[in-house]
Structures are given as C-alpha cells and as structure tokens.
N, C-alpha and C. Protein backbone atom coordinates (compact mmCIF):
# COMPACT_ATOMS: atom_id res chain seq x y z
N MET A 1 20.71 -10.35 -2.15
CA MET A 1 20.43 -11.36 -2.25
C MET A 1 19.67 -11.40 -3.74
N ILE A 2 19.94 -12.85 -4.16
CA ILE A 2 19.12 -12.85 -5.60
C ILE A 2 17.68 -13.86 -5.17
N ILE A 3 16.79 -13.81 -5.84
CA ILE A 3 15.46 -14.74 -5.81
C ILE A 3 15.06 -14.76 -7.02
N HIS A 4 14.77 -16.24 -7.13
CA HIS A 4 14.10 -16.63 -8.32
C HIS A 4 13.06 -17.23 -8.11
N LYS A 5 11.85 -16.41 -8.95
CA LYS A 5 10.29 -17.30 -8.77
C LYS A 5 10.45 -17.83 -10.19
N ILE A 6 10.00 -19.32 -9.49
CA ILE A 6 9.16 -20.35 -10.45
C ILE A 6 8.08 -20.72 -10.37
N GLU A 7 7.08 -20.91 -11.19
CA GLU A 7 5.77 -21.40 -11.47
C GLU A 7 5.70 -22.35 -11.41
N VAL A 8 5.83 -23.48 -11.03
CA VAL A 8 5.05 -24.86 -10.81
C VAL A 8 4.30 -25.69 -10.54
N GLY A 9 3.63 -26.76 -11.27
CA GLY A 9 3.11 -27.86 -11.23
C GLY A 9 1.21 -27.28 -11.71
N GLU A 10 0.04 -28.04 -11.04
CA GLU A 10 -1.25 -27.91 -11.89
C GLU A 10 -1.64 -26.26 -10.94
N LEU A 11 -1.36 -26.23 -10.25
CA LEU A 11 -2.23 -25.56 -9.24
C LEU A 11 -1.08 -23.92 -9.19
N PHE A 12 -0.03 -23.73 -10.07
CA PHE A 12 0.76 -22.33 -10.32
C PHE A 12 1.11 -21.92 -8.98
N THR A 13 1.71 -22.73 -8.22
CA THR A 13 2.50 -22.56 -7.28
C THR A 13 3.93 -21.49 -7.34
N ASN A 14 4.19 -21.07 -6.23
CA ASN A 14 5.22 -20.13 -6.31
C ASN A 14 6.07 -20.55 -5.77
N CYS A 15 7.38 -21.39 -6.70
CA CYS A 15 8.77 -21.91 -5.89
C CYS A 15 9.69 -20.74 -5.96
N TYR A 16 10.47 -20.48 -4.71
CA TYR A 16 12.04 -19.36 -4.81
C TYR A 16 12.72 -20.18 -4.53
N ILE A 17 13.85 -19.10 -4.93
CA ILE A 17 15.29 -20.00 -4.65
C ILE A 17 15.83 -18.58 -4.51
N VAL A 18 16.46 -18.26 -3.13
CA VAL A 18 16.91 -17.46 -2.64
C VAL A 18 18.28 -17.61 -2.48
N ILE A 19 19.23 -16.69 -2.75
CA ILE A 19 20.50 -16.90 -2.81
C ILE A 19 21.75 -15.75 -2.15
N CYS A 20 22.55 -16.08 -1.20
CA CYS A 20 23.33 -14.86 -0.93
C CYS A 20 24.25 -14.78 -2.24
N LYS A 21 24.35 -13.84 -2.08
CA LYS A 21 25.08 -13.06 -3.24
C LYS A 21 26.59 -13.46 -2.97
N LYS A 22 27.03 -13.22 -1.87
CA LYS A 22 28.43 -13.28 -1.47
C LYS A 22 28.97 -14.90 -1.47
N THR A 23 28.29 -15.60 -0.80
CA THR A 23 28.47 -17.40 -0.55
C THR A 23 27.64 -18.08 -1.62
N LYS A 24 26.84 -17.43 -2.41
CA LYS A 24 26.57 -18.37 -3.16
C LYS A 24 25.62 -19.36 -2.64
N LYS A 25 25.20 -19.86 -1.18
CA LYS A 25 24.05 -20.41 -0.58
C LYS A 25 22.70 -19.69 -0.61
N SER A 26 22.07 -20.85 -0.92
CA SER A 26 21.02 -20.82 -1.27
C SER A 26 19.89 -21.49 -0.83
N PHE A 27 18.91 -21.06 -0.97
CA PHE A 27 17.66 -22.33 0.24
C PHE A 27 16.19 -22.29 -0.97
N ILE A 28 15.56 -23.42 -0.81
CA ILE A 28 14.30 -23.42 -1.65
C ILE A 28 12.78 -22.77 -0.62
N VAL A 29 12.16 -21.99 -1.21
CA VAL A 29 10.98 -21.93 -0.65
C VAL A 29 9.93 -22.56 -0.97
N ASP A 30 9.09 -23.93 -1.07
CA ASP A 30 7.94 -24.89 -1.49
C ASP A 30 7.99 -24.96 -2.80
N PRO A 31 9.06 -26.06 -2.55
CA PRO A 31 9.16 -26.70 -4.23
C PRO A 31 8.13 -27.84 -4.51
N GLY A 32 7.06 -27.17 -5.18
CA GLY A 32 6.05 -27.91 -5.41
C GLY A 32 6.16 -28.88 -6.31
N GLU A 33 7.20 -28.72 -7.36
CA GLU A 33 7.56 -29.74 -8.30
C GLU A 33 8.87 -29.40 -9.16
N VAL A 34 9.54 -30.23 -9.25
CA VAL A 34 10.96 -29.94 -9.57
C VAL A 34 10.97 -29.87 -10.88
N THR A 35 11.53 -28.64 -11.83
CA THR A 35 11.64 -28.39 -13.12
C THR A 35 13.41 -27.82 -13.20
N LYS A 36 13.13 -28.18 -14.88
CA LYS A 36 14.82 -27.87 -15.53
C LYS A 36 15.25 -26.40 -15.03
N GLU A 37 14.64 -25.50 -14.58
CA GLU A 37 14.61 -24.39 -14.56
C GLU A 37 14.98 -24.12 -12.88
N ILE A 38 14.55 -25.21 -11.80
CA ILE A 38 15.00 -24.84 -10.55
C ILE A 38 16.35 -25.79 -11.15
N GLU A 39 16.28 -26.75 -11.49
CA GLU A 39 17.72 -27.81 -11.30
C GLU A 39 18.78 -27.27 -11.90
N LYS A 40 18.78 -26.09 -13.14
CA LYS A 40 19.67 -25.69 -13.54
C LYS A 40 20.16 -24.29 -12.46
N ILE A 41 19.32 -23.67 -11.94
CA ILE A 41 19.85 -22.40 -10.88
C ILE A 41 20.51 -23.13 -9.77
N LEU A 42 20.13 -24.72 -9.12
CA LEU A 42 20.38 -24.73 -7.93
C LEU A 42 21.74 -25.84 -8.21
N LYS A 43 22.13 -26.06 -9.87
CA LYS A 43 23.69 -26.38 -9.97
C LYS A 43 24.85 -25.26 -10.04
N GLU A 44 23.96 -23.62 -10.15
CA GLU A 44 25.24 -22.78 -9.87
C GLU A 44 25.25 -22.36 -8.43
N THR A 45 24.49 -22.76 -7.61
CA THR A 45 24.47 -22.18 -5.89
C THR A 45 24.60 -23.60 -5.31
N PHE A 46 24.92 -23.35 -3.93
CA PHE A 46 25.34 -24.21 -2.88
C PHE A 46 24.00 -24.44 -2.38
N PRO A 47 23.27 -25.27 -2.46
CA PRO A 47 21.60 -25.20 -1.63
C PRO A 47 21.72 -25.79 -0.57
N ILE A 48 21.24 -25.48 0.65
CA ILE A 48 21.37 -26.29 2.06
C ILE A 48 19.99 -26.69 2.45
N TYR A 49 18.72 -25.59 2.52
CA TYR A 49 17.77 -26.09 3.01
C TYR A 49 15.94 -26.40 1.93
N ILE A 50 15.79 -26.77 2.13
CA ILE A 50 14.08 -26.61 1.84
C ILE A 50 13.61 -25.62 2.46
N ILE A 51 12.55 -25.02 2.64
CA ILE A 51 11.57 -24.43 3.91
C ILE A 51 10.15 -24.73 3.27
N ASN A 52 9.26 -25.33 3.65
CA ASN A 52 8.16 -25.17 3.51
C ASN A 52 7.61 -24.45 4.09
N THR A 53 6.31 -23.51 3.55
CA THR A 53 5.53 -22.38 4.33
C THR A 53 4.61 -23.21 4.90
N HIS A 54 4.19 -24.39 4.54
CA HIS A 54 3.06 -25.00 5.13
C HIS A 54 3.13 -26.41 4.11
N GLY A 55 2.21 -27.28 4.65
CA GLY A 55 2.51 -28.89 4.25
C GLY A 55 1.28 -29.49 3.45
N HIS A 56 0.85 -28.19 1.96
CA HIS A 56 -0.23 -28.84 1.17
C HIS A 56 0.88 -29.43 0.35
N ILE A 57 0.17 -30.53 -0.63
CA ILE A 57 1.41 -31.09 -1.60
C ILE A 57 1.27 -30.11 -2.70
N ASP A 58 0.84 -29.04 -3.29
CA ASP A 58 1.32 -28.15 -4.24
C ASP A 58 2.43 -27.18 -4.05
N HIS A 59 2.58 -27.73 -3.07
CA HIS A 59 3.86 -26.59 -1.71
C HIS A 59 4.87 -27.72 -1.47
N ILE A 60 4.96 -28.87 -1.47
CA ILE A 60 5.89 -29.92 -1.25
C ILE A 60 6.30 -30.54 -1.60
N LYS A 61 5.13 -31.10 -2.60
CA LYS A 61 5.92 -32.36 -3.81
C LYS A 61 7.32 -32.64 -3.96
N GLY A 62 7.88 -31.76 -4.37
CA GLY A 62 9.40 -31.65 -5.05
C GLY A 62 10.21 -32.05 -3.86
N ASN A 63 9.85 -32.01 -2.33
CA ASN A 63 11.27 -32.15 -1.53
C ASN A 63 11.73 -33.29 -1.48
N LYS A 64 11.08 -34.56 -1.92
CA LYS A 64 11.87 -35.92 -1.82
C LYS A 64 12.80 -35.68 -2.82
N GLU A 65 12.95 -35.28 -4.13
CA GLU A 65 13.08 -35.61 -5.36
C GLU A 65 14.66 -34.50 -4.51
N LEU A 66 14.39 -33.40 -4.10
CA LEU A 66 15.79 -31.97 -4.09
C LEU A 66 16.43 -32.61 -3.08
N LYS A 67 15.69 -33.02 -1.94
CA LYS A 67 16.35 -33.81 -0.33
C LYS A 67 17.37 -34.76 -1.03
N GLU A 68 16.82 -35.72 -1.83
CA GLU A 68 18.08 -36.62 -2.06
C GLU A 68 19.19 -36.15 -3.05
N ARG A 69 18.68 -35.53 -4.08
CA ARG A 69 19.62 -34.96 -5.19
C ARG A 69 20.61 -34.22 -4.49
N TYR A 70 20.23 -33.36 -3.77
CA TYR A 70 21.80 -32.29 -2.80
C TYR A 70 21.65 -32.46 -1.76
N ASN A 71 21.46 -33.43 -1.10
CA ASN A 71 21.44 -33.97 0.17
C ASN A 71 20.52 -32.44 0.91
N LEU A 72 19.90 -31.97 0.41
CA LEU A 72 19.19 -31.01 1.76
C LEU A 72 18.25 -31.41 2.69
N LYS A 73 18.54 -30.11 3.90
CA LYS A 73 17.83 -30.37 5.31
C LYS A 73 15.97 -29.84 4.70
N VAL A 74 14.95 -30.40 4.91
CA VAL A 74 13.63 -30.18 4.87
C VAL A 74 13.15 -29.29 6.63
N LEU A 75 12.60 -28.16 6.30
CA LEU A 75 12.34 -27.72 7.11
C LEU A 75 10.88 -27.01 6.86
N ILE A 76 9.99 -27.02 8.27
CA ILE A 76 8.60 -27.36 8.48
C ILE A 76 8.44 -26.82 9.94
N HIS A 77 6.81 -25.64 10.14
CA HIS A 77 6.80 -25.72 11.28
C HIS A 77 6.32 -27.11 11.94
N LYS A 78 6.43 -27.01 13.18
CA LYS A 78 5.75 -28.39 14.22
C LYS A 78 4.36 -28.23 13.68
N ASP A 79 3.44 -27.84 13.61
CA ASP A 79 1.86 -28.19 13.35
C ASP A 79 1.82 -28.75 12.61
N ASP A 80 2.60 -28.54 11.35
CA ASP A 80 2.25 -28.89 9.92
C ASP A 80 3.26 -29.94 9.42
N ALA A 81 4.10 -30.45 10.26
CA ALA A 81 5.02 -31.59 9.99
C ALA A 81 4.30 -32.84 9.66
N SER A 82 3.20 -33.45 9.79
CA SER A 82 2.99 -34.36 9.91
C SER A 82 1.74 -34.62 8.61
N SER A 83 1.86 -33.80 7.66
CA SER A 83 1.45 -33.32 6.32
C SER A 83 1.80 -33.91 5.43
N LEU A 84 3.90 -34.05 5.97
CA LEU A 84 4.65 -34.39 4.69
C LEU A 84 4.45 -36.09 4.89
N GLU A 85 4.13 -36.94 5.65
CA GLU A 85 3.81 -38.60 5.59
C GLU A 85 2.36 -38.72 6.18
N ASP A 86 1.51 -37.70 5.33
CA ASP A 86 -0.01 -37.51 5.31
C ASP A 86 -0.73 -37.47 4.31
N GLY A 87 -1.07 -38.48 3.45
CA GLY A 87 -1.82 -38.20 2.00
C GLY A 87 -3.37 -37.21 2.08
N ASN A 88 -3.74 -37.66 3.40
CA ASN A 88 -4.73 -36.78 3.99
C ASN A 88 -4.57 -35.46 3.94
N LEU A 89 -3.62 -35.15 4.95
CA LEU A 89 -3.17 -34.03 5.72
C LEU A 89 -2.99 -33.11 4.46
N ASN A 90 -2.12 -34.03 3.72
CA ASN A 90 -1.38 -32.89 2.81
C ASN A 90 -2.13 -32.59 1.53
N LEU A 91 -3.37 -33.05 1.50
CA LEU A 91 -4.38 -33.29 0.43
C LEU A 91 -4.10 -33.63 -1.16
N SER A 92 -3.40 -34.66 -0.83
CA SER A 92 -2.76 -35.61 -2.39
C SER A 92 -3.89 -36.60 -2.82
N ARG A 93 -4.43 -37.05 -1.50
CA ARG A 93 -5.46 -37.75 -1.76
C ARG A 93 -6.35 -36.90 -2.43
N TYR A 94 -6.68 -35.84 -2.24
CA TYR A 94 -7.86 -34.88 -2.79
C TYR A 94 -7.63 -34.48 -3.76
N VAL A 95 -6.09 -34.18 -4.30
CA VAL A 95 -5.92 -33.24 -5.42
C VAL A 95 -5.79 -34.35 -6.78
N TRP A 96 -4.76 -35.43 -6.17
CA TRP A 96 -4.59 -36.34 -7.35
C TRP A 96 -5.01 -37.84 -7.18
N GLY A 97 -5.59 -38.07 -6.23
CA GLY A 97 -6.84 -39.51 -6.00
C GLY A 97 -5.52 -40.17 -5.28
N LYS A 98 -4.40 -40.32 -4.82
CA LYS A 98 -3.21 -41.08 -3.91
C LYS A 98 -2.66 -40.73 -2.74
N ASP A 99 -2.23 -40.95 -2.22
CA ASP A 99 -1.15 -40.74 -1.21
C ASP A 99 0.11 -40.27 -1.44
N ILE A 100 0.68 -39.74 -1.77
CA ILE A 100 2.02 -38.69 -1.60
C ILE A 100 2.78 -38.62 -0.61
N ILE A 101 3.29 -39.52 0.10
CA ILE A 101 4.21 -39.51 0.96
C ILE A 101 5.89 -38.83 0.47
N LEU A 102 6.36 -38.23 1.71
CA LEU A 102 7.31 -37.69 1.37
C LEU A 102 8.40 -37.56 2.74
N PRO A 103 9.62 -37.34 2.96
CA PRO A 103 10.63 -37.59 4.04
C PRO A 103 9.98 -36.77 4.95
N LYS A 104 10.27 -37.69 6.09
CA LYS A 104 9.97 -36.48 7.29
C LYS A 104 10.43 -34.90 7.36
N ALA A 105 10.63 -34.07 8.45
CA ALA A 105 11.40 -32.92 8.30
C ALA A 105 12.49 -32.96 9.24
N ASP A 106 13.52 -32.37 8.82
CA ASP A 106 14.73 -32.51 9.51
C ASP A 106 15.07 -31.93 10.60
N GLN A 107 14.21 -30.39 10.35
CA GLN A 107 13.87 -29.36 11.55
C GLN A 107 12.69 -28.88 11.59
N LEU A 108 12.24 -28.92 12.98
CA LEU A 108 10.93 -28.54 13.17
C LEU A 108 10.86 -27.32 13.71
N LEU A 109 10.21 -25.98 12.74
CA LEU A 109 10.08 -25.22 13.31
C LEU A 109 8.88 -24.08 13.80
N LYS A 110 9.07 -23.32 14.78
CA LYS A 110 8.38 -22.63 15.49
C LYS A 110 8.98 -20.92 15.37
N ASP A 111 7.94 -20.05 16.34
CA ASP A 111 7.38 -18.32 15.99
C ASP A 111 8.75 -18.17 16.24
N ASN A 112 9.43 -17.31 15.32
CA ASN A 112 10.87 -16.15 16.23
C ASN A 112 11.81 -17.31 16.11
N ASP A 113 11.91 -18.40 15.33
CA ASP A 113 13.12 -18.79 15.00
C ASP A 113 14.10 -18.62 13.47
N THR A 114 15.22 -18.52 13.82
CA THR A 114 16.29 -18.05 13.35
C THR A 114 17.15 -18.85 12.29
N ILE A 115 17.30 -18.44 10.85
CA ILE A 115 18.11 -19.40 10.11
C ILE A 115 18.79 -18.85 9.42
N ARG A 116 20.11 -18.94 9.41
CA ARG A 116 21.47 -18.12 8.58
C ARG A 116 21.22 -19.04 7.44
N VAL A 117 21.76 -18.55 6.47
CA VAL A 117 21.80 -19.56 5.31
C VAL A 117 22.95 -18.34 4.33
N GLY A 118 23.90 -18.24 4.55
CA GLY A 118 25.23 -17.44 4.19
C GLY A 118 25.15 -16.39 4.61
N ASP A 119 25.25 -14.98 4.46
CA ASP A 119 25.14 -13.85 4.84
C ASP A 119 23.48 -13.42 5.08
N LEU A 120 22.50 -14.45 4.52
CA LEU A 120 21.33 -14.46 5.26
C LEU A 120 20.12 -14.40 6.08
N ASP A 121 19.63 -13.95 6.72
CA ASP A 121 19.00 -14.26 8.06
C ASP A 121 17.64 -14.41 7.88
N ILE A 122 17.18 -15.56 8.38
CA ILE A 122 15.50 -15.99 7.95
C ILE A 122 14.78 -16.00 8.81
N LEU A 123 13.73 -14.95 9.50
CA LEU A 123 13.10 -15.13 10.91
C LEU A 123 11.64 -15.87 10.25
N ILE A 124 11.13 -16.86 11.04
CA ILE A 124 10.25 -17.24 10.94
C ILE A 124 9.04 -16.87 11.51
N LEU A 125 7.95 -16.54 11.02
CA LEU A 125 6.79 -15.86 11.48
C LEU A 125 5.70 -16.77 11.29
N TYR A 126 5.03 -17.32 12.40
CA TYR A 126 3.94 -18.18 12.64
C TYR A 126 2.90 -17.38 12.10
N THR A 127 2.27 -17.95 11.15
CA THR A 127 0.89 -17.10 10.63
C THR A 127 -0.32 -18.54 10.42
N PRO A 128 -0.79 -18.95 11.01
CA PRO A 128 -1.60 -19.89 11.05
C PRO A 128 -2.82 -19.34 10.43
N GLY A 129 -3.95 -20.52 10.05
CA GLY A 129 -4.97 -19.80 9.09
C GLY A 129 -5.63 -20.68 7.71
N HIS A 130 -4.55 -20.75 7.31
CA HIS A 130 -4.82 -21.46 6.11
C HIS A 130 -4.22 -23.14 6.37
N SER A 131 -3.23 -23.14 7.23
CA SER A 131 -3.34 -24.18 7.74
C SER A 131 -2.82 -24.48 9.07
N PRO A 132 -2.90 -25.40 10.24
CA PRO A 132 -2.54 -25.18 11.81
C PRO A 132 -0.68 -24.94 11.83
N GLY A 133 -0.01 -25.11 10.26
CA GLY A 133 1.23 -24.87 10.82
C GLY A 133 2.05 -24.34 9.83
N GLY A 134 1.12 -23.07 9.04
CA GLY A 134 1.37 -22.14 8.59
C GLY A 134 2.13 -21.07 8.81
N ILE A 135 3.69 -20.74 7.84
CA ILE A 135 4.45 -19.68 8.16
C ILE A 135 4.95 -18.62 7.04
N SER A 136 5.38 -17.70 7.61
CA SER A 136 5.96 -16.66 6.72
C SER A 136 7.51 -16.22 6.99
N LEU A 137 8.29 -16.24 5.73
CA LEU A 137 9.51 -16.02 6.18
C LEU A 137 9.96 -15.09 6.15
N LEU A 138 10.69 -13.90 6.98
CA LEU A 138 11.21 -12.58 6.55
C LEU A 138 13.06 -12.58 6.53
N VAL A 139 13.16 -12.53 5.28
CA VAL A 139 14.57 -12.45 4.82
C VAL A 139 15.29 -11.31 4.60
N LYS A 140 16.44 -11.12 5.75
CA LYS A 140 17.34 -9.85 5.76
C LYS A 140 18.58 -10.39 5.45
N ASN A 141 19.29 -9.67 3.95
CA ASN A 141 20.75 -9.58 4.23
C ASN A 141 21.44 -8.31 5.00
N GLN A 142 22.63 -8.58 4.90
CA GLN A 142 23.77 -7.90 6.14
C GLN A 142 23.59 -6.45 5.68
N THR A 143 23.19 -5.55 4.86
CA THR A 143 22.98 -4.25 4.30
C THR A 143 21.63 -3.62 4.66
N GLY A 144 20.36 -5.06 5.09
CA GLY A 144 19.46 -4.73 6.03
C GLY A 144 18.06 -4.36 5.29
N ASP A 145 18.38 -4.84 3.88
CA ASP A 145 17.05 -5.11 2.60
C ASP A 145 16.64 -6.03 2.82
N LYS A 146 15.12 -5.91 3.02
CA LYS A 146 14.75 -7.54 3.53
C LYS A 146 13.26 -7.39 2.95
N VAL A 147 12.79 -8.82 2.53
CA VAL A 147 11.42 -8.97 1.66
C VAL A 147 10.95 -10.31 2.78
N LEU A 148 9.51 -10.60 2.28
CA LEU A 148 8.84 -11.50 3.34
C LEU A 148 8.14 -12.39 2.37
N PHE A 149 8.52 -13.57 2.71
CA PHE A 149 7.78 -14.62 2.07
C PHE A 149 6.30 -15.37 2.56
N THR A 150 5.25 -15.36 2.06
CA THR A 150 4.06 -15.28 2.72
C THR A 150 3.35 -16.69 2.71
N GLY A 151 3.72 -17.15 1.86
CA GLY A 151 3.28 -18.79 1.54
C GLY A 151 1.52 -18.80 0.83
N ASP A 152 0.80 -19.36 1.51
CA ASP A 152 -0.85 -18.92 1.35
C ASP A 152 -1.57 -18.48 2.23
N THR A 153 -0.61 -17.70 3.30
CA THR A 153 -0.94 -16.86 4.13
C THR A 153 -2.23 -15.58 3.63
N LEU A 154 -0.88 -14.96 2.87
CA LEU A 154 -1.79 -13.70 2.08
C LEU A 154 -1.14 -13.28 0.69
N PHE A 155 -2.12 -13.09 -0.42
CA PHE A 155 -1.55 -12.88 -1.34
C PHE A 155 -1.71 -11.51 -1.95
N ALA A 156 -1.22 -11.17 -3.56
CA ALA A 156 -2.09 -10.15 -4.03
C ALA A 156 -3.53 -10.10 -4.06
N SER A 157 -4.12 -8.93 -3.16
CA SER A 157 -5.75 -8.42 -3.35
C SER A 157 -6.63 -9.94 -2.88
N SER A 158 -5.86 -10.89 -2.13
CA SER A 158 -6.58 -12.14 -1.81
C SER A 158 -5.75 -12.52 -0.75
N VAL A 159 -6.18 -13.62 0.17
CA VAL A 159 -5.91 -14.70 1.28
C VAL A 159 -5.93 -15.89 1.02
N GLY A 160 -5.43 -17.30 1.50
CA GLY A 160 -5.39 -18.04 1.67
C GLY A 160 -6.71 -18.67 1.97
N ARG A 161 -7.21 -19.75 1.11
CA ARG A 161 -8.69 -20.44 1.40
C ARG A 161 -8.29 -21.34 2.98
N VAL A 162 -9.28 -21.38 3.54
CA VAL A 162 -9.88 -21.79 4.86
C VAL A 162 -10.70 -22.77 5.12
N ASP A 163 -11.03 -23.36 3.56
CA ASP A 163 -12.10 -24.55 4.48
C ASP A 163 -11.43 -25.76 4.13
N LEU A 164 -10.08 -25.97 4.48
CA LEU A 164 -9.32 -27.22 4.24
C LEU A 164 -9.36 -27.17 5.93
N TYR A 165 -8.55 -28.51 6.18
CA TYR A 165 -8.81 -28.84 7.43
C TYR A 165 -7.47 -28.18 8.09
N GLY A 166 -7.93 -27.85 9.62
CA GLY A 166 -7.18 -26.88 10.22
C GLY A 166 -7.42 -25.38 9.63
N GLY A 167 -7.89 -25.04 8.79
CA GLY A 167 -8.21 -23.78 8.21
C GLY A 167 -8.91 -22.93 9.83
N SER A 168 -8.89 -21.52 9.38
CA SER A 168 -9.83 -20.76 10.06
C SER A 168 -9.78 -19.58 9.58
N LEU A 169 -10.78 -18.54 9.30
CA LEU A 169 -10.52 -17.34 8.45
C LEU A 169 -10.17 -16.68 9.77
N ASN A 170 -10.99 -16.82 10.97
CA ASN A 170 -10.46 -15.61 12.12
C ASN A 170 -9.05 -15.86 12.44
N THR A 171 -8.74 -17.03 12.33
CA THR A 171 -7.62 -17.09 13.04
C THR A 171 -6.29 -16.47 11.72
N LEU A 172 -6.60 -17.11 10.16
CA LEU A 172 -5.46 -15.98 9.08
C LEU A 172 -5.75 -14.49 9.30
N ILE A 173 -7.01 -14.16 9.18
CA ILE A 173 -7.10 -12.50 9.77
C ILE A 173 -5.86 -12.10 10.78
N ARG A 174 -5.81 -12.98 11.88
CA ARG A 174 -5.29 -12.11 13.21
C ARG A 174 -3.73 -12.68 12.77
N SER A 175 -3.55 -13.43 11.94
CA SER A 175 -1.97 -13.60 11.30
C SER A 175 -1.67 -12.64 11.13
N ILE A 176 -2.10 -12.21 9.78
CA ILE A 176 -2.32 -11.21 8.49
C ILE A 176 -2.10 -9.74 9.36
N LYS A 177 -2.33 -9.23 10.16
CA LYS A 177 -2.55 -8.29 10.79
C LYS A 177 -1.53 -8.22 11.92
N GLU A 178 -1.54 -9.32 12.76
CA GLU A 178 -0.15 -9.29 13.70
C GLU A 178 0.95 -9.07 13.15
N LYS A 179 1.20 -10.21 12.23
CA LYS A 179 2.56 -10.69 11.71
C LYS A 179 2.95 -9.93 10.09
N ILE A 180 2.11 -9.52 9.44
CA ILE A 180 2.63 -8.97 8.09
C ILE A 180 2.28 -7.82 8.44
N LEU A 181 0.77 -6.91 8.38
CA LEU A 181 0.72 -5.72 8.20
C LEU A 181 1.36 -4.91 9.29
N VAL A 182 2.34 -5.17 10.04
CA VAL A 182 3.13 -4.40 11.01
C VAL A 182 4.41 -3.94 10.41
N PHE A 183 4.52 -5.05 8.86
CA PHE A 183 5.92 -3.97 9.02
C PHE A 183 5.66 -2.89 7.87
N GLU A 184 6.81 -2.09 7.53
CA GLU A 184 6.56 -0.87 6.79
C GLU A 184 5.89 -0.91 5.52
N ASP A 185 5.50 -0.09 4.56
CA ASP A 185 4.50 0.04 3.50
C ASP A 185 5.22 -0.67 2.53
N HIS A 186 6.43 -0.37 1.95
CA HIS A 186 7.29 -0.60 0.98
C HIS A 186 7.85 -2.35 1.35
N LEU A 187 7.33 -2.50 2.72
CA LEU A 187 7.98 -4.41 2.44
C LEU A 187 7.59 -5.58 1.16
N LEU A 188 8.67 -5.75 0.70
CA LEU A 188 7.82 -6.28 -0.57
C LEU A 188 7.30 -7.93 -0.32
N ILE A 189 5.98 -8.40 -0.81
CA ILE A 189 5.76 -9.26 -0.46
C ILE A 189 5.66 -10.38 -1.39
N TYR A 190 6.36 -11.78 -1.49
CA TYR A 190 6.69 -12.98 -2.30
C TYR A 190 5.29 -13.89 -2.05
N PRO A 191 4.27 -13.73 -2.72
CA PRO A 191 3.25 -14.89 -2.03
C PRO A 191 3.22 -16.36 -2.56
N GLY A 192 2.45 -17.24 -2.08
CA GLY A 192 2.44 -18.67 -2.64
C GLY A 192 2.26 -18.67 -4.22
N HIS A 193 1.24 -17.92 -4.34
CA HIS A 193 0.38 -17.98 -5.71
C HIS A 193 0.14 -16.89 -5.99
N GLY A 194 0.65 -16.55 -7.10
CA GLY A 194 0.36 -14.96 -8.45
C GLY A 194 1.17 -13.83 -7.85
N PRO A 195 0.96 -12.45 -8.33
CA PRO A 195 1.97 -12.00 -8.80
C PRO A 195 2.70 -11.71 -7.16
N LEU A 196 3.74 -10.27 -7.29
CA LEU A 196 4.37 -10.48 -6.22
C LEU A 196 3.18 -8.74 -5.52
N THR A 197 3.78 -8.14 -4.40
CA THR A 197 2.65 -6.73 -3.57
C THR A 197 3.65 -6.63 -3.03
N GLU A 198 2.62 -5.51 -1.99
CA GLU A 198 3.44 -4.82 -0.37
C GLU A 198 2.71 -4.96 0.30
N VAL A 199 3.16 -4.33 1.30
CA VAL A 199 2.69 -4.59 2.49
C VAL A 199 1.23 -3.63 2.36
N GLY A 200 2.13 -2.22 2.34
CA GLY A 200 1.12 -0.64 2.28
C GLY A 200 -0.12 -1.19 1.07
N ILE A 201 0.05 -1.69 -0.12
CA ILE A 201 -1.14 -2.10 -1.19
C ILE A 201 -2.06 -3.23 -0.23
N GLU A 202 -1.76 -3.88 0.44
CA GLU A 202 -2.18 -4.64 1.25
C GLU A 202 -3.16 -4.43 1.97
N LYS A 203 -2.72 -3.34 2.85
CA LYS A 203 -3.15 -2.92 3.95
C LYS A 203 -4.21 -2.03 3.22
N ALA A 204 -4.01 -1.41 2.36
CA ALA A 204 -5.37 -0.11 1.95
C ALA A 204 -6.09 -0.89 0.95
N SER A 205 -6.09 -2.07 0.25
CA SER A 205 -6.82 -2.51 -0.61
C SER A 205 -7.28 -3.87 -0.57
N ASN A 206 -6.82 -4.73 0.16
CA ASN A 206 -7.24 -6.04 -0.16
C ASN A 206 -8.32 -6.06 0.48
N PRO A 207 -9.78 -6.36 -0.13
CA PRO A 207 -10.90 -6.73 0.34
C PRO A 207 -11.25 -7.77 1.59
N TYR A 208 -10.37 -8.57 2.07
CA TYR A 208 -10.33 -9.27 2.92
C TYR A 208 -9.89 -8.81 4.27
N LEU A 209 -9.33 -7.65 4.04
CA LEU A 209 -8.71 -7.34 5.77
C LEU A 209 -9.33 -5.93 5.76
C-alpha cells in the first residue's frame, strides 16, 4: 500500500490517502480540509471512500467538497454520525463561531466491520473516549503488511483530549489498552495529529498509559 500524509487546517490535522498499489483504488482518512496536494493525489488514483475516525470538524470539514467532486461514500461510526449534521456536536460552532453542516453518512460503521478497497482490507476498531463514536482503522494488504490509523484516540506520547462532548478518560484508556496495545510492538501508528509512532513505543513510554 501507498500512504500519503497531508497536514491540513488550522489545527494541523493529519489527512491520509491510502492507495492500493495493484488497483490504484484509494480511500481518504479524515479530510479536515481540501488542499491542492490532496487533489493532485486523488487525480492519480480511483478514490472510493471517505472514512472519518470521528466527527470533529477538523477531521470532517472536507467531506462535502470531496464527496461531491469524486462521488465518494462517507463512512463514520454510528455513534458519531449525528456530528456531521450538527454544528454543536462537530465543534464548528465552538471553533469557528458558525455551524458547518455536512452530508450525512452513506454507511454507518460498528466494531469489527470490514471494508475492502482494492487489495486492502480495513478492519474497524471501536475506540471511543475522545468522542462517543471514535474508531481506529487497521489496514492490511495481501502480503500481510499492516498499519493502524488511530485518529484522535492515540498520539505519539499523548492521547486525545476528553473534555469535549462525549469524552471520557477512563473509556479512552480502556480503548487504547484493549484495542491498540494488544498489537505487536512494531505496528506503525498513523495518528490524527503529530508524528507517526509505534505500538511498542507508546506502550513503553506514553505518560498517559
């Protein structure tokens, strides 16, 4: 698989474009904004899905433009789906002082759902705590290589904030320990903000864990 990391928006959100090498089919993780770099990459692939790890505005703001331009399906966990259409829940009212309303989801996700994009298998891991419907994505190719996208659940040496609607520190830590730290130490983590990390590094040195 090919993974492009593009930092977008005022909150420096990591948007990812993940491409199947064989078919050139791709999916987008958390398009907080639409940039020229994102558009350039998408023109060279066949995008299928937008997958939101949660419903906060810095991770979903680009949904509408990309959905309409490329005829994409928007996927989000069922417990965060209402955030797409509610400026209070998605924090746009708080961040920008106005409600930003986005298209409703085409598919509601739940724990252990699987999605196929080309030769890539995407396993949905329900990891609430930062938001009620937070998810992580375990992406695996046909040769067994895999990576993990954690959204705002887990960062390098940090975790997602829990003082927003539906946040819970106990729930977040349980999600991380039960759904993320169970993987092999060398598994590469692509978080919603900041640099990449690995499971073993966070297990050994993350001060919140």
